[in-house]
C-alpha cells in the first residue's frame, strides 16, 4: 500500500497511479508556494512588458533598461537625448540626409519613362513634371567616392539641373549619411519637397501614374 500525495489516503498502486490514489488527485495537484515563487521569478526575466507598447522590458524589478541616454549627433555634432534605444542622429538631421542609387538599385518601383531611367515613383513624378513643363535636366553619370564601415564605395546622385546635383529620396539609412558628405552642395528632395510634382502628376495622370513606365520617346 502507498499513501496518496494529494489526499493522504492509502491505495494500491497501479499502472499510471503510483503516487496518487486517483486521477482526480493526480490532476488537481498544486505547486507549493515556494515552487510557485521560483517559477514566477524565473519567467519574469523573459517576459515582454505589456505596458511598454512593444519595447522589450521586464516585470523583474531588478531589470535595468537602457532608459534615457545622452548622445552626440554624428551629423551636426550637437548633443541630444534618446529614450529606450541608442541613437546616433537627431531626427531632423536624419531626415535631411539621403543618398543616390545606381540603375536598378532602388527599393521603389522602377523603370523607363521616355528613355529616362527612374528608380522610384518619386523620381518618376519629378521627371514627368520636368518634361511636361519643358524644364531641362539630365541623368547624372558622375560617381563620388565615399567610405562606409571601412570600405570604399561609389555613389551616383540622380540628376543634374542648372549645374546643380539633385538626389531624390524616399528613405534614409546610415549609409546615405556618408554618401551625402561626398557631394558638395547636394540638393536632397524628400517626399515633402515634391508636393508640387505629385499634385500635378496625380491630377493629370491619376494615382496609378507608375503605369506610365516604358512610355516610348515621341
N, C-alpha and C. Protein backbone atom coordinates (compact mmCIF):
# COMPACT_ATOMS: atom_id res chain seq x y z
N UNK A 1 0.84 -1.20 0.00
CA UNK A 1 0.00 0.00 0.00
C UNK A 1 0.89 1.26 0.00
N UNK A 2 0.35 2.33 -0.61
CA UNK A 2 1.06 3.61 -0.61
C UNK A 2 0.11 4.71 -0.17
N UNK A 3 0.70 5.80 0.21
CA UNK A 3 -0.09 6.95 0.67
C UNK A 3 -0.17 7.99 -0.45
N UNK A 4 -1.37 8.42 -0.75
CA UNK A 4 -1.58 9.43 -1.81
C UNK A 4 -0.95 10.75 -1.40
N UNK A 5 -0.19 11.34 -2.30
CA UNK A 5 0.48 12.61 -2.01
C UNK A 5 -0.50 13.78 -1.93
N UNK A 6 -1.70 13.59 -2.48
CA UNK A 6 -2.66 14.67 -2.50
C UNK A 6 -3.60 14.65 -1.29
N UNK A 7 -4.27 13.49 -1.11
CA UNK A 7 -5.28 13.43 -0.05
C UNK A 7 -4.82 12.68 1.20
N UNK A 8 -3.72 11.93 1.09
CA UNK A 8 -3.21 11.20 2.24
C UNK A 8 -3.81 9.84 2.45
N UNK A 9 -4.77 9.43 1.63
CA UNK A 9 -5.39 8.10 1.75
C UNK A 9 -4.45 7.03 1.23
N UNK A 10 -4.59 5.85 1.80
CA UNK A 10 -3.79 4.73 1.33
C UNK A 10 -4.46 4.10 0.12
N UNK A 11 -3.64 3.60 -0.82
CA UNK A 11 -4.19 2.99 -2.02
C UNK A 11 -3.22 1.94 -2.55
N UNK A 12 -3.73 1.09 -3.41
CA UNK A 12 -2.93 0.06 -4.03
C UNK A 12 -2.39 0.61 -5.35
N UNK A 13 -1.07 0.77 -5.48
CA UNK A 13 -0.51 1.33 -6.73
C UNK A 13 -0.92 0.54 -7.95
N UNK A 14 -1.14 1.24 -9.03
CA UNK A 14 -1.48 0.59 -10.30
C UNK A 14 -0.79 1.35 -11.42
N UNK A 15 -0.88 0.82 -12.64
CA UNK A 15 -0.22 1.46 -13.78
C UNK A 15 -0.79 2.86 -14.00
N UNK A 16 0.06 3.83 -13.97
CA UNK A 16 -0.36 5.20 -14.16
C UNK A 16 -0.71 5.92 -12.88
N UNK A 17 -0.88 5.20 -11.78
CA UNK A 17 -1.22 5.80 -10.49
C UNK A 17 -0.26 5.24 -9.45
N UNK A 18 0.90 5.85 -9.37
CA UNK A 18 1.92 5.38 -8.44
C UNK A 18 1.99 6.26 -7.20
N UNK A 19 1.78 7.56 -7.37
CA UNK A 19 1.89 8.49 -6.25
C UNK A 19 0.55 9.03 -5.79
N UNK A 20 -0.53 8.82 -6.60
CA UNK A 20 -1.84 9.36 -6.25
C UNK A 20 -2.88 8.25 -6.33
N UNK A 21 -3.89 8.36 -5.48
CA UNK A 21 -4.89 7.29 -5.41
C UNK A 21 -5.89 7.32 -6.54
N UNK A 22 -6.02 8.48 -7.20
CA UNK A 22 -6.99 8.60 -8.28
C UNK A 22 -6.54 9.65 -9.29
N UNK A 23 -7.22 9.65 -10.45
CA UNK A 23 -6.92 10.66 -11.46
C UNK A 23 -7.26 12.05 -10.97
N UNK A 24 -8.31 12.13 -10.13
CA UNK A 24 -8.72 13.42 -9.60
C UNK A 24 -7.61 14.04 -8.76
N UNK A 25 -7.00 13.20 -7.89
CA UNK A 25 -5.91 13.71 -7.06
C UNK A 25 -4.68 14.05 -7.90
N UNK A 26 -4.39 13.20 -8.87
CA UNK A 26 -3.22 13.44 -9.69
C UNK A 26 -3.35 14.72 -10.50
N UNK A 27 -4.54 14.97 -11.08
CA UNK A 27 -4.73 16.12 -11.96
C UNK A 27 -4.95 17.42 -11.20
N UNK A 28 -5.27 17.34 -9.92
CA UNK A 28 -5.55 18.56 -9.15
C UNK A 28 -4.38 18.94 -8.26
N UNK A 29 -3.25 18.26 -8.38
CA UNK A 29 -2.12 18.58 -7.54
C UNK A 29 -1.63 19.99 -7.83
N UNK A 30 -1.13 20.69 -6.84
CA UNK A 30 -0.69 22.08 -6.97
C UNK A 30 0.75 22.22 -6.52
N UNK A 31 1.39 23.24 -7.03
CA UNK A 31 2.74 23.52 -6.62
C UNK A 31 2.73 24.17 -5.25
N UNK A 32 3.75 23.98 -4.53
CA UNK A 32 3.88 24.66 -3.25
C UNK A 32 4.09 26.13 -3.50
N UNK A 33 3.85 26.94 -2.48
CA UNK A 33 4.03 28.39 -2.62
C UNK A 33 5.48 28.72 -2.97
N UNK A 34 6.43 27.99 -2.42
CA UNK A 34 7.84 28.22 -2.72
C UNK A 34 8.14 27.90 -4.18
N UNK A 35 7.56 26.80 -4.68
CA UNK A 35 7.77 26.42 -6.07
C UNK A 35 7.15 27.44 -7.01
N UNK A 36 5.96 27.96 -6.66
CA UNK A 36 5.30 28.99 -7.47
C UNK A 36 6.18 30.24 -7.59
N UNK A 37 6.75 30.64 -6.43
CA UNK A 37 7.58 31.83 -6.41
C UNK A 37 8.81 31.67 -7.29
N UNK A 38 9.46 30.51 -7.21
CA UNK A 38 10.65 30.25 -8.02
C UNK A 38 10.31 30.30 -9.51
N UNK A 39 9.19 29.69 -9.86
CA UNK A 39 8.78 29.67 -11.26
C UNK A 39 8.45 31.07 -11.76
N UNK A 40 7.79 31.86 -10.92
CA UNK A 40 7.42 33.22 -11.30
C UNK A 40 8.64 34.08 -11.54
N UNK A 41 9.61 34.02 -10.64
CA UNK A 41 10.83 34.81 -10.77
C UNK A 41 11.61 34.42 -12.01
N UNK A 42 11.66 33.10 -12.30
CA UNK A 42 12.39 32.62 -13.47
C UNK A 42 11.76 33.11 -14.76
N UNK A 43 10.41 33.19 -14.79
CA UNK A 43 9.71 33.57 -16.02
C UNK A 43 9.72 35.08 -16.27
N UNK A 44 9.78 35.85 -15.19
CA UNK A 44 9.67 37.30 -15.35
C UNK A 44 10.81 37.88 -16.16
N UNK A 45 11.97 37.29 -16.09
CA UNK A 45 13.11 37.80 -16.84
C UNK A 45 12.96 37.64 -18.33
N UNK A 46 12.00 36.79 -18.77
CA UNK A 46 11.81 36.54 -20.20
C UNK A 46 10.55 37.18 -20.74
N UNK A 47 9.82 37.92 -19.89
CA UNK A 47 8.56 38.49 -20.32
C UNK A 47 8.75 39.78 -21.08
N UNK A 48 7.82 40.06 -21.99
CA UNK A 48 7.77 41.33 -22.71
C UNK A 48 6.74 42.19 -22.00
N UNK A 49 7.15 43.29 -21.48
CA UNK A 49 6.27 44.09 -20.65
C UNK A 49 5.06 44.57 -21.45
N UNK A 50 3.85 44.24 -20.99
CA UNK A 50 2.64 44.55 -21.74
C UNK A 50 2.34 46.04 -21.74
N UNK A 51 2.86 46.77 -20.74
CA UNK A 51 2.60 48.20 -20.67
C UNK A 51 3.66 49.03 -21.36
N UNK A 52 4.60 48.38 -22.03
CA UNK A 52 5.72 49.10 -22.63
C UNK A 52 5.55 49.30 -24.12
N UNK A 53 4.35 49.00 -24.64
CA UNK A 53 4.00 49.23 -26.04
C UNK A 53 5.01 48.63 -27.01
N UNK A 54 5.35 47.38 -26.79
CA UNK A 54 6.21 46.70 -27.75
C UNK A 54 7.67 46.79 -27.46
N UNK A 55 8.10 47.67 -26.57
CA UNK A 55 9.52 47.76 -26.27
C UNK A 55 9.89 46.66 -25.30
N UNK A 56 11.03 46.03 -25.48
CA UNK A 56 11.42 44.94 -24.61
C UNK A 56 11.73 45.45 -23.21
N UNK A 57 11.08 44.86 -22.26
CA UNK A 57 11.31 45.22 -20.87
C UNK A 57 11.16 43.99 -20.02
N UNK A 58 10.89 44.15 -18.76
CA UNK A 58 10.73 43.01 -17.87
C UNK A 58 9.93 43.42 -16.67
N UNK A 59 9.18 42.48 -16.14
CA UNK A 59 8.46 42.72 -14.91
C UNK A 59 9.37 42.53 -13.70
N UNK A 60 10.56 42.06 -13.93
CA UNK A 60 11.52 41.84 -12.86
C UNK A 60 12.01 43.20 -12.35
N UNK A 61 11.78 43.52 -11.08
CA UNK A 61 12.18 44.85 -10.57
C UNK A 61 13.67 45.08 -10.60
N UNK A 62 14.46 44.02 -10.73
CA UNK A 62 15.91 44.17 -10.77
C UNK A 62 16.44 44.42 -12.18
N UNK A 63 15.52 44.34 -13.19
CA UNK A 63 15.95 44.53 -14.58
C UNK A 63 16.28 46.00 -14.81
N UNK A 64 17.38 46.26 -15.50
CA UNK A 64 17.81 47.62 -15.80
C UNK A 64 17.75 47.86 -17.30
N UNK A 65 16.83 48.71 -17.74
CA UNK A 65 16.71 49.01 -19.16
C UNK A 65 17.69 50.08 -19.59
N UNK A 66 17.65 50.44 -20.87
CA UNK A 66 18.55 51.46 -21.39
C UNK A 66 18.19 52.83 -20.81
N UNK A 67 16.86 53.09 -20.72
CA UNK A 67 16.42 54.35 -20.14
C UNK A 67 16.79 55.55 -21.00
N UNK A 68 16.92 56.71 -20.38
CA UNK A 68 17.26 57.94 -21.09
C UNK A 68 18.77 58.00 -21.29
N UNK A 69 19.16 58.24 -22.54
CA UNK A 69 20.58 58.28 -22.88
C UNK A 69 20.93 59.60 -23.55
N UNK A 70 22.09 60.13 -23.25
CA UNK A 70 22.61 61.30 -23.95
C UNK A 70 23.48 60.83 -25.12
N UNK A 71 23.44 61.55 -26.22
CA UNK A 71 24.26 61.19 -27.37
C UNK A 71 24.68 62.45 -28.12
N UNK A 72 25.69 62.32 -28.96
CA UNK A 72 26.15 63.39 -29.83
C UNK A 72 25.82 63.02 -31.27
N UNK A 73 25.05 63.87 -31.94
CA UNK A 73 24.63 63.59 -33.32
C UNK A 73 25.86 63.50 -34.23
N UNK A 74 25.93 62.42 -35.01
CA UNK A 74 27.06 62.21 -35.91
C UNK A 74 27.07 63.19 -37.08
N UNK A 75 25.94 63.89 -37.30
CA UNK A 75 25.87 64.81 -38.44
C UNK A 75 26.16 66.26 -38.01
N UNK A 76 25.38 66.76 -37.05
CA UNK A 76 25.56 68.16 -36.64
C UNK A 76 26.47 68.33 -35.43
N UNK A 77 26.86 67.20 -34.82
CA UNK A 77 27.78 67.18 -33.68
C UNK A 77 27.20 67.88 -32.44
N UNK A 78 25.88 68.01 -32.38
CA UNK A 78 25.23 68.62 -31.22
C UNK A 78 24.64 67.55 -30.32
N UNK A 79 24.53 67.81 -29.01
CA UNK A 79 24.00 66.80 -28.08
C UNK A 79 22.51 66.56 -28.26
N UNK A 80 22.08 65.40 -27.85
CA UNK A 80 20.67 65.04 -27.91
C UNK A 80 20.33 64.04 -26.83
N UNK A 81 19.04 63.75 -26.69
CA UNK A 81 18.57 62.81 -25.68
C UNK A 81 17.70 61.76 -26.34
N UNK A 82 17.90 60.51 -25.97
CA UNK A 82 17.14 59.40 -26.54
C UNK A 82 16.59 58.53 -25.42
N UNK A 83 15.39 57.97 -25.63
CA UNK A 83 14.80 57.05 -24.67
C UNK A 83 14.65 55.68 -25.29
N UNK A 84 14.93 54.65 -24.49
CA UNK A 84 14.71 53.26 -24.83
C UNK A 84 15.70 52.68 -25.84
N UNK A 85 16.27 53.47 -26.71
CA UNK A 85 17.23 52.94 -27.68
C UNK A 85 18.35 53.94 -27.90
N UNK A 86 19.48 53.44 -28.31
CA UNK A 86 20.64 54.29 -28.53
C UNK A 86 20.52 54.92 -29.92
N UNK A 87 20.65 56.23 -30.00
CA UNK A 87 20.55 56.94 -31.28
C UNK A 87 21.90 57.55 -31.64
N UNK A 88 22.08 57.77 -32.95
CA UNK A 88 23.30 58.38 -33.44
C UNK A 88 23.05 59.72 -34.11
N UNK A 89 21.75 60.04 -34.39
CA UNK A 89 21.43 61.27 -35.10
C UNK A 89 20.14 61.88 -34.55
N UNK A 90 20.04 63.20 -34.63
CA UNK A 90 18.76 63.85 -34.37
C UNK A 90 17.80 63.46 -35.49
N UNK A 91 16.53 63.42 -35.19
CA UNK A 91 15.55 63.05 -36.21
C UNK A 91 15.61 63.99 -37.40
N UNK A 92 15.70 65.30 -37.12
CA UNK A 92 15.72 66.27 -38.21
C UNK A 92 16.98 66.13 -39.07
N UNK A 93 18.10 65.76 -38.44
CA UNK A 93 19.34 65.56 -39.21
C UNK A 93 19.21 64.32 -40.08
N UNK A 94 18.61 63.28 -39.51
CA UNK A 94 18.44 62.04 -40.26
C UNK A 94 17.58 62.27 -41.49
N UNK A 95 16.49 63.04 -41.35
CA UNK A 95 15.57 63.26 -42.45
C UNK A 95 16.14 64.19 -43.52
N UNK A 96 17.13 64.98 -43.15
CA UNK A 96 17.75 65.88 -44.12
C UNK A 96 18.63 65.13 -45.11
N UNK A 97 19.11 63.99 -44.68
CA UNK A 97 20.14 63.32 -45.45
C UNK A 97 19.57 62.20 -46.31
N UNK A 98 20.17 62.02 -47.47
CA UNK A 98 19.77 60.94 -48.36
C UNK A 98 20.90 60.67 -49.32
N UNK A 99 20.85 59.53 -49.96
CA UNK A 99 21.88 59.19 -50.93
C UNK A 99 21.26 58.68 -52.20
N UNK A 100 22.08 58.46 -53.23
CA UNK A 100 21.59 58.02 -54.52
C UNK A 100 21.84 56.56 -54.78
N UNK A 101 21.16 56.04 -55.77
CA UNK A 101 21.32 54.66 -56.17
C UNK A 101 21.60 54.59 -57.66
N UNK A 102 22.34 53.58 -58.04
CA UNK A 102 22.55 53.35 -59.47
C UNK A 102 21.33 52.64 -60.05
N UNK A 103 21.25 52.57 -61.36
CA UNK A 103 20.11 51.97 -62.03
C UNK A 103 19.80 50.60 -61.48
N UNK A 104 18.54 50.41 -61.08
CA UNK A 104 18.11 49.11 -60.60
C UNK A 104 18.38 48.87 -59.13
N UNK A 105 19.01 49.82 -58.45
CA UNK A 105 19.37 49.60 -57.05
C UNK A 105 18.32 50.14 -56.09
N UNK A 106 17.33 50.87 -56.59
CA UNK A 106 16.34 51.47 -55.72
C UNK A 106 15.35 50.47 -55.17
N UNK A 107 14.73 50.84 -54.05
CA UNK A 107 13.73 49.98 -53.43
C UNK A 107 12.35 50.22 -54.01
N UNK A 108 12.15 51.36 -54.68
CA UNK A 108 10.84 51.69 -55.19
C UNK A 108 10.55 51.01 -56.52
N UNK A 109 9.41 51.34 -57.08
CA UNK A 109 9.00 50.79 -58.37
C UNK A 109 9.75 51.55 -59.46
N UNK A 110 10.58 50.83 -60.19
CA UNK A 110 11.45 51.50 -61.15
C UNK A 110 11.17 51.06 -62.58
N UNK A 111 11.70 51.83 -63.51
CA UNK A 111 11.52 51.52 -64.92
C UNK A 111 11.92 52.70 -65.79
N UNK A 112 11.63 52.58 -67.10
CA UNK A 112 11.97 53.63 -68.05
C UNK A 112 10.75 54.50 -68.34
N UNK A 113 10.99 55.80 -68.46
CA UNK A 113 9.95 56.72 -68.88
C UNK A 113 10.54 57.65 -69.92
N UNK A 114 10.09 57.49 -71.15
CA UNK A 114 10.57 58.30 -72.27
C UNK A 114 12.09 58.31 -72.35
N UNK A 115 12.68 57.15 -72.19
CA UNK A 115 14.12 57.00 -72.33
C UNK A 115 14.92 57.38 -71.10
N UNK A 116 14.24 57.69 -69.99
CA UNK A 116 14.92 58.10 -68.76
C UNK A 116 14.66 57.06 -67.68
N UNK A 117 15.72 56.57 -67.07
CA UNK A 117 15.56 55.56 -66.02
C UNK A 117 15.17 56.22 -64.70
N UNK A 118 14.16 55.66 -64.02
CA UNK A 118 13.72 56.16 -62.72
C UNK A 118 13.76 55.02 -61.71
N UNK A 119 14.31 55.29 -60.54
CA UNK A 119 14.44 54.25 -59.52
C UNK A 119 13.26 54.17 -58.56
N UNK A 120 12.31 55.10 -58.67
CA UNK A 120 11.18 55.08 -57.76
C UNK A 120 10.04 55.92 -58.32
N UNK A 121 8.87 55.84 -57.69
CA UNK A 121 7.74 56.66 -58.11
C UNK A 121 8.02 58.13 -57.82
N UNK A 122 8.86 58.41 -56.83
CA UNK A 122 9.24 59.80 -56.53
C UNK A 122 10.01 60.39 -57.70
N UNK A 123 10.99 59.62 -58.19
CA UNK A 123 11.77 60.10 -59.34
C UNK A 123 10.89 60.23 -60.57
N UNK A 124 9.97 59.28 -60.74
CA UNK A 124 9.09 59.33 -61.90
C UNK A 124 8.24 60.60 -61.88
N UNK A 125 7.66 60.94 -60.74
CA UNK A 125 6.84 62.14 -60.63
C UNK A 125 7.67 63.38 -60.95
N UNK A 126 8.88 63.42 -60.44
CA UNK A 126 9.76 64.57 -60.69
C UNK A 126 10.10 64.67 -62.17
N UNK A 127 10.43 63.56 -62.80
CA UNK A 127 10.80 63.54 -64.22
C UNK A 127 9.63 63.96 -65.09
N UNK A 128 8.45 63.42 -64.80
CA UNK A 128 7.27 63.78 -65.60
C UNK A 128 7.01 65.27 -65.53
N UNK A 129 7.10 65.83 -64.36
CA UNK A 129 6.86 67.27 -64.19
C UNK A 129 7.85 68.10 -65.01
N UNK A 130 9.14 67.73 -64.95
CA UNK A 130 10.16 68.47 -65.69
C UNK A 130 9.90 68.39 -67.20
N UNK A 131 9.60 67.19 -67.68
CA UNK A 131 9.38 67.02 -69.12
C UNK A 131 8.14 67.76 -69.59
N UNK A 132 7.05 67.66 -68.82
CA UNK A 132 5.80 68.29 -69.22
C UNK A 132 5.89 69.82 -69.21
N UNK A 133 6.82 70.34 -68.43
CA UNK A 133 6.98 71.80 -68.35
C UNK A 133 8.24 72.28 -69.08
N UNK A 134 8.80 71.39 -69.90
CA UNK A 134 9.96 71.74 -70.73
C UNK A 134 11.12 72.30 -69.91
N UNK A 135 11.34 71.70 -68.73
CA UNK A 135 12.47 72.09 -67.88
C UNK A 135 13.61 71.11 -68.13
N UNK A 136 14.73 71.59 -68.57
CA UNK A 136 15.83 70.71 -68.94
C UNK A 136 16.53 70.11 -67.72
N UNK A 137 17.00 68.89 -67.87
CA UNK A 137 17.76 68.21 -66.83
C UNK A 137 18.44 67.01 -67.50
N UNK A 138 19.31 66.37 -66.78
CA UNK A 138 20.00 65.18 -67.32
C UNK A 138 20.26 64.20 -66.18
N UNK A 139 20.32 62.93 -66.56
CA UNK A 139 20.69 61.90 -65.59
C UNK A 139 22.16 62.07 -65.24
N UNK A 140 22.48 62.03 -63.96
CA UNK A 140 23.87 62.14 -63.54
C UNK A 140 24.63 60.85 -63.83
N UNK A 141 25.84 60.99 -64.35
CA UNK A 141 26.68 59.82 -64.62
C UNK A 141 28.00 59.87 -63.85
N UNK A 142 28.22 60.95 -63.12
CA UNK A 142 29.46 61.09 -62.36
C UNK A 142 29.33 60.41 -61.00
N UNK A 143 30.35 59.68 -60.61
CA UNK A 143 30.33 58.99 -59.32
C UNK A 143 31.19 59.74 -58.31
N UNK A 144 30.87 59.54 -57.04
CA UNK A 144 31.60 60.15 -55.94
C UNK A 144 31.98 59.05 -54.96
N UNK A 145 33.22 59.09 -54.54
CA UNK A 145 33.73 58.04 -53.64
C UNK A 145 33.46 58.40 -52.19
N UNK A 146 33.01 57.42 -51.44
CA UNK A 146 32.80 57.63 -50.00
C UNK A 146 33.15 56.36 -49.25
N UNK A 147 33.32 56.48 -47.96
CA UNK A 147 33.71 55.35 -47.11
C UNK A 147 32.59 55.03 -46.14
N UNK A 148 32.30 53.74 -46.02
CA UNK A 148 31.28 53.29 -45.07
C UNK A 148 31.73 51.98 -44.45
N UNK A 149 31.79 51.93 -43.13
CA UNK A 149 32.26 50.75 -42.41
C UNK A 149 33.64 50.29 -42.88
N UNK A 150 34.50 51.27 -43.18
CA UNK A 150 35.86 50.94 -43.57
C UNK A 150 36.04 50.51 -45.01
N UNK A 151 34.97 50.55 -45.82
CA UNK A 151 35.06 50.14 -47.22
C UNK A 151 34.77 51.32 -48.14
N UNK A 152 35.37 51.29 -49.32
CA UNK A 152 35.18 52.34 -50.30
C UNK A 152 34.03 52.00 -51.24
N UNK A 153 33.18 52.99 -51.53
CA UNK A 153 32.04 52.80 -52.44
C UNK A 153 31.96 53.96 -53.43
N UNK A 154 31.22 53.73 -54.49
CA UNK A 154 30.94 54.77 -55.47
C UNK A 154 29.47 55.15 -55.38
N UNK A 155 29.23 56.43 -55.29
CA UNK A 155 27.86 56.95 -55.16
C UNK A 155 27.48 57.76 -56.39
N UNK A 156 26.32 57.48 -56.95
CA UNK A 156 25.82 58.17 -58.14
C UNK A 156 24.54 58.94 -57.79
N UNK A 157 24.62 60.25 -57.60
CA UNK A 157 23.39 61.03 -57.40
C UNK A 157 22.48 60.90 -58.62
N UNK A 158 21.25 61.37 -58.49
CA UNK A 158 20.24 61.11 -59.53
C UNK A 158 20.35 62.01 -60.77
N UNK A 159 20.22 63.32 -60.58
CA UNK A 159 20.10 64.21 -61.74
C UNK A 159 21.00 65.44 -61.62
N UNK A 160 21.18 66.09 -62.76
CA UNK A 160 21.85 67.39 -62.83
C UNK A 160 20.90 68.37 -63.50
N UNK A 161 20.72 69.52 -62.87
CA UNK A 161 19.82 70.54 -63.42
C UNK A 161 20.38 71.91 -63.10
N UNK A 162 20.61 72.68 -64.15
CA UNK A 162 21.18 74.03 -63.99
C UNK A 162 22.48 74.00 -63.19
N UNK A 163 23.29 72.99 -63.44
CA UNK A 163 24.58 72.88 -62.77
C UNK A 163 24.49 72.37 -61.33
N UNK A 164 23.29 72.06 -60.87
CA UNK A 164 23.10 71.57 -59.50
C UNK A 164 22.86 70.06 -59.51
N UNK A 165 23.43 69.38 -58.52
CA UNK A 165 23.27 67.93 -58.41
C UNK A 165 22.09 67.65 -57.49
N UNK A 166 21.16 66.83 -57.99
CA UNK A 166 19.91 66.57 -57.27
C UNK A 166 19.78 65.09 -56.94
N UNK A 167 19.40 64.82 -55.72
CA UNK A 167 19.12 63.45 -55.27
C UNK A 167 17.68 63.40 -54.78
N UNK A 168 16.91 62.44 -55.28
CA UNK A 168 15.52 62.27 -54.85
C UNK A 168 15.44 61.01 -54.01
N UNK A 169 14.90 61.15 -52.82
CA UNK A 169 14.94 60.03 -51.89
C UNK A 169 13.65 59.90 -51.10
N UNK A 170 13.23 58.66 -50.91
CA UNK A 170 12.04 58.39 -50.12
C UNK A 170 12.36 57.72 -48.80
N UNK A 171 13.60 57.35 -48.58
CA UNK A 171 14.00 56.69 -47.34
C UNK A 171 15.46 57.03 -47.07
N UNK A 172 15.88 56.82 -45.86
CA UNK A 172 17.27 57.07 -45.50
C UNK A 172 17.78 55.91 -44.65
N UNK A 173 19.08 55.73 -44.65
CA UNK A 173 19.74 54.78 -43.77
C UNK A 173 21.12 55.33 -43.43
N UNK A 174 21.84 54.62 -42.60
CA UNK A 174 23.12 55.14 -42.13
C UNK A 174 24.12 55.34 -43.27
N UNK A 175 24.03 54.50 -44.28
CA UNK A 175 24.99 54.62 -45.38
C UNK A 175 24.79 55.91 -46.16
N UNK A 176 23.54 56.35 -46.26
CA UNK A 176 23.27 57.59 -47.00
C UNK A 176 23.89 58.80 -46.31
N UNK A 177 24.09 58.70 -45.02
CA UNK A 177 24.69 59.82 -44.29
C UNK A 177 26.13 60.05 -44.72
N UNK A 178 26.78 58.99 -45.13
CA UNK A 178 28.15 59.11 -45.63
C UNK A 178 28.13 59.54 -47.10
N UNK A 179 27.14 59.08 -47.85
CA UNK A 179 27.03 59.48 -49.25
C UNK A 179 26.89 61.00 -49.39
N UNK A 180 26.03 61.56 -48.55
CA UNK A 180 25.72 62.99 -48.66
C UNK A 180 26.96 63.84 -48.47
N UNK A 181 27.86 63.37 -47.63
CA UNK A 181 29.07 64.14 -47.34
C UNK A 181 30.04 64.16 -48.51
N UNK A 182 29.88 63.20 -49.43
CA UNK A 182 30.83 63.10 -50.53
C UNK A 182 30.52 64.05 -51.68
N UNK A 183 29.34 64.67 -51.67
CA UNK A 183 28.93 65.55 -52.77
C UNK A 183 28.70 66.96 -52.24
N UNK A 184 29.55 67.92 -52.60
CA UNK A 184 29.37 69.29 -52.14
C UNK A 184 28.07 69.89 -52.66
N UNK A 185 27.32 70.54 -51.79
CA UNK A 185 26.09 71.26 -52.16
C UNK A 185 25.04 70.37 -52.82
N UNK A 186 24.99 69.11 -52.44
CA UNK A 186 23.98 68.21 -52.98
C UNK A 186 22.59 68.64 -52.52
N UNK A 187 21.64 68.69 -53.45
CA UNK A 187 20.26 69.03 -53.12
C UNK A 187 19.47 67.74 -52.96
N UNK A 188 18.93 67.52 -51.78
CA UNK A 188 18.18 66.29 -51.49
C UNK A 188 16.70 66.63 -51.42
N UNK A 189 15.89 65.95 -52.24
CA UNK A 189 14.45 66.17 -52.27
C UNK A 189 13.75 64.95 -51.67
N UNK A 190 13.03 65.18 -50.55
CA UNK A 190 12.24 64.14 -49.93
C UNK A 190 10.78 64.28 -50.38
N UNK A 191 9.93 63.42 -49.87
CA UNK A 191 8.52 63.43 -50.29
C UNK A 191 7.87 64.79 -50.06
N UNK A 192 8.15 65.42 -48.92
CA UNK A 192 7.54 66.71 -48.63
C UNK A 192 8.01 67.81 -49.57
N UNK A 193 9.16 67.60 -50.21
CA UNK A 193 9.69 68.58 -51.15
C UNK A 193 9.12 68.41 -52.56
N UNK A 194 8.37 67.34 -52.78
CA UNK A 194 7.86 67.02 -54.11
C UNK A 194 6.35 67.17 -54.20
N UNK A 195 5.76 67.93 -53.29
CA UNK A 195 4.31 68.06 -53.27
C UNK A 195 3.78 68.65 -54.58
N UNK A 196 4.47 69.65 -55.10
CA UNK A 196 4.03 70.27 -56.36
C UNK A 196 4.04 69.26 -57.50
N UNK A 197 5.10 68.48 -57.59
CA UNK A 197 5.21 67.48 -58.66
C UNK A 197 4.15 66.39 -58.53
N UNK A 198 3.93 65.92 -57.30
CA UNK A 198 2.93 64.87 -57.10
C UNK A 198 1.52 65.38 -57.38
N UNK A 199 1.22 66.58 -56.94
CA UNK A 199 -0.11 67.15 -57.20
C UNK A 199 -0.38 67.24 -58.69
N UNK A 200 0.61 67.69 -59.44
CA UNK A 200 0.45 67.82 -60.89
C UNK A 200 0.26 66.46 -61.57
N UNK A 201 1.15 65.53 -61.24
CA UNK A 201 1.12 64.22 -61.91
C UNK A 201 -0.16 63.46 -61.59
N UNK A 202 -0.58 63.49 -60.34
CA UNK A 202 -1.80 62.76 -59.95
C UNK A 202 -3.02 63.41 -60.59
N UNK A 203 -3.03 64.72 -60.65
CA UNK A 203 -4.16 65.42 -61.25
C UNK A 203 -4.27 65.11 -62.74
N UNK A 204 -3.14 65.00 -63.42
CA UNK A 204 -3.15 64.78 -64.87
C UNK A 204 -3.20 63.31 -65.27
N UNK A 205 -2.48 62.46 -64.54
CA UNK A 205 -2.36 61.06 -64.94
C UNK A 205 -3.01 60.06 -63.98
N UNK A 206 -3.43 60.55 -62.81
CA UNK A 206 -4.06 59.66 -61.84
C UNK A 206 -3.07 59.11 -60.84
N UNK A 207 -3.62 58.51 -59.77
CA UNK A 207 -2.77 57.99 -58.70
C UNK A 207 -1.91 56.81 -59.15
N UNK A 208 -2.34 56.11 -60.19
CA UNK A 208 -1.57 54.96 -60.69
C UNK A 208 -0.63 55.37 -61.82
N UNK A 209 -0.04 56.55 -61.69
CA UNK A 209 0.83 57.07 -62.76
C UNK A 209 2.06 56.21 -62.99
N UNK A 210 2.37 55.29 -62.08
CA UNK A 210 3.53 54.43 -62.30
C UNK A 210 3.31 53.51 -63.50
N UNK A 211 2.07 53.40 -63.95
CA UNK A 211 1.80 52.60 -65.15
C UNK A 211 2.38 53.27 -66.39
N UNK A 212 2.85 54.50 -66.23
CA UNK A 212 3.43 55.21 -67.37
C UNK A 212 4.84 54.74 -67.69
N UNK A 213 5.40 53.88 -66.85
CA UNK A 213 6.72 53.34 -67.15
C UNK A 213 6.71 52.68 -68.52
N UNK A 214 7.87 52.80 -69.21
CA UNK A 214 8.06 52.23 -70.55
C UNK A 214 7.34 53.01 -71.63
N UNK A 215 6.92 54.26 -71.32
CA UNK A 215 6.33 55.10 -72.33
C UNK A 215 7.42 55.43 -73.35
N UNK A 216 7.20 55.22 -74.65
CA UNK A 216 8.25 55.48 -75.66
C UNK A 216 8.51 56.95 -75.89
N UNK A 217 9.69 57.26 -76.41
CA UNK A 217 10.02 58.64 -76.75
C UNK A 217 9.24 59.06 -77.98
N UNK A 218 8.63 60.25 -77.92
CA UNK A 218 7.85 60.74 -79.08
C UNK A 218 8.42 62.04 -79.58
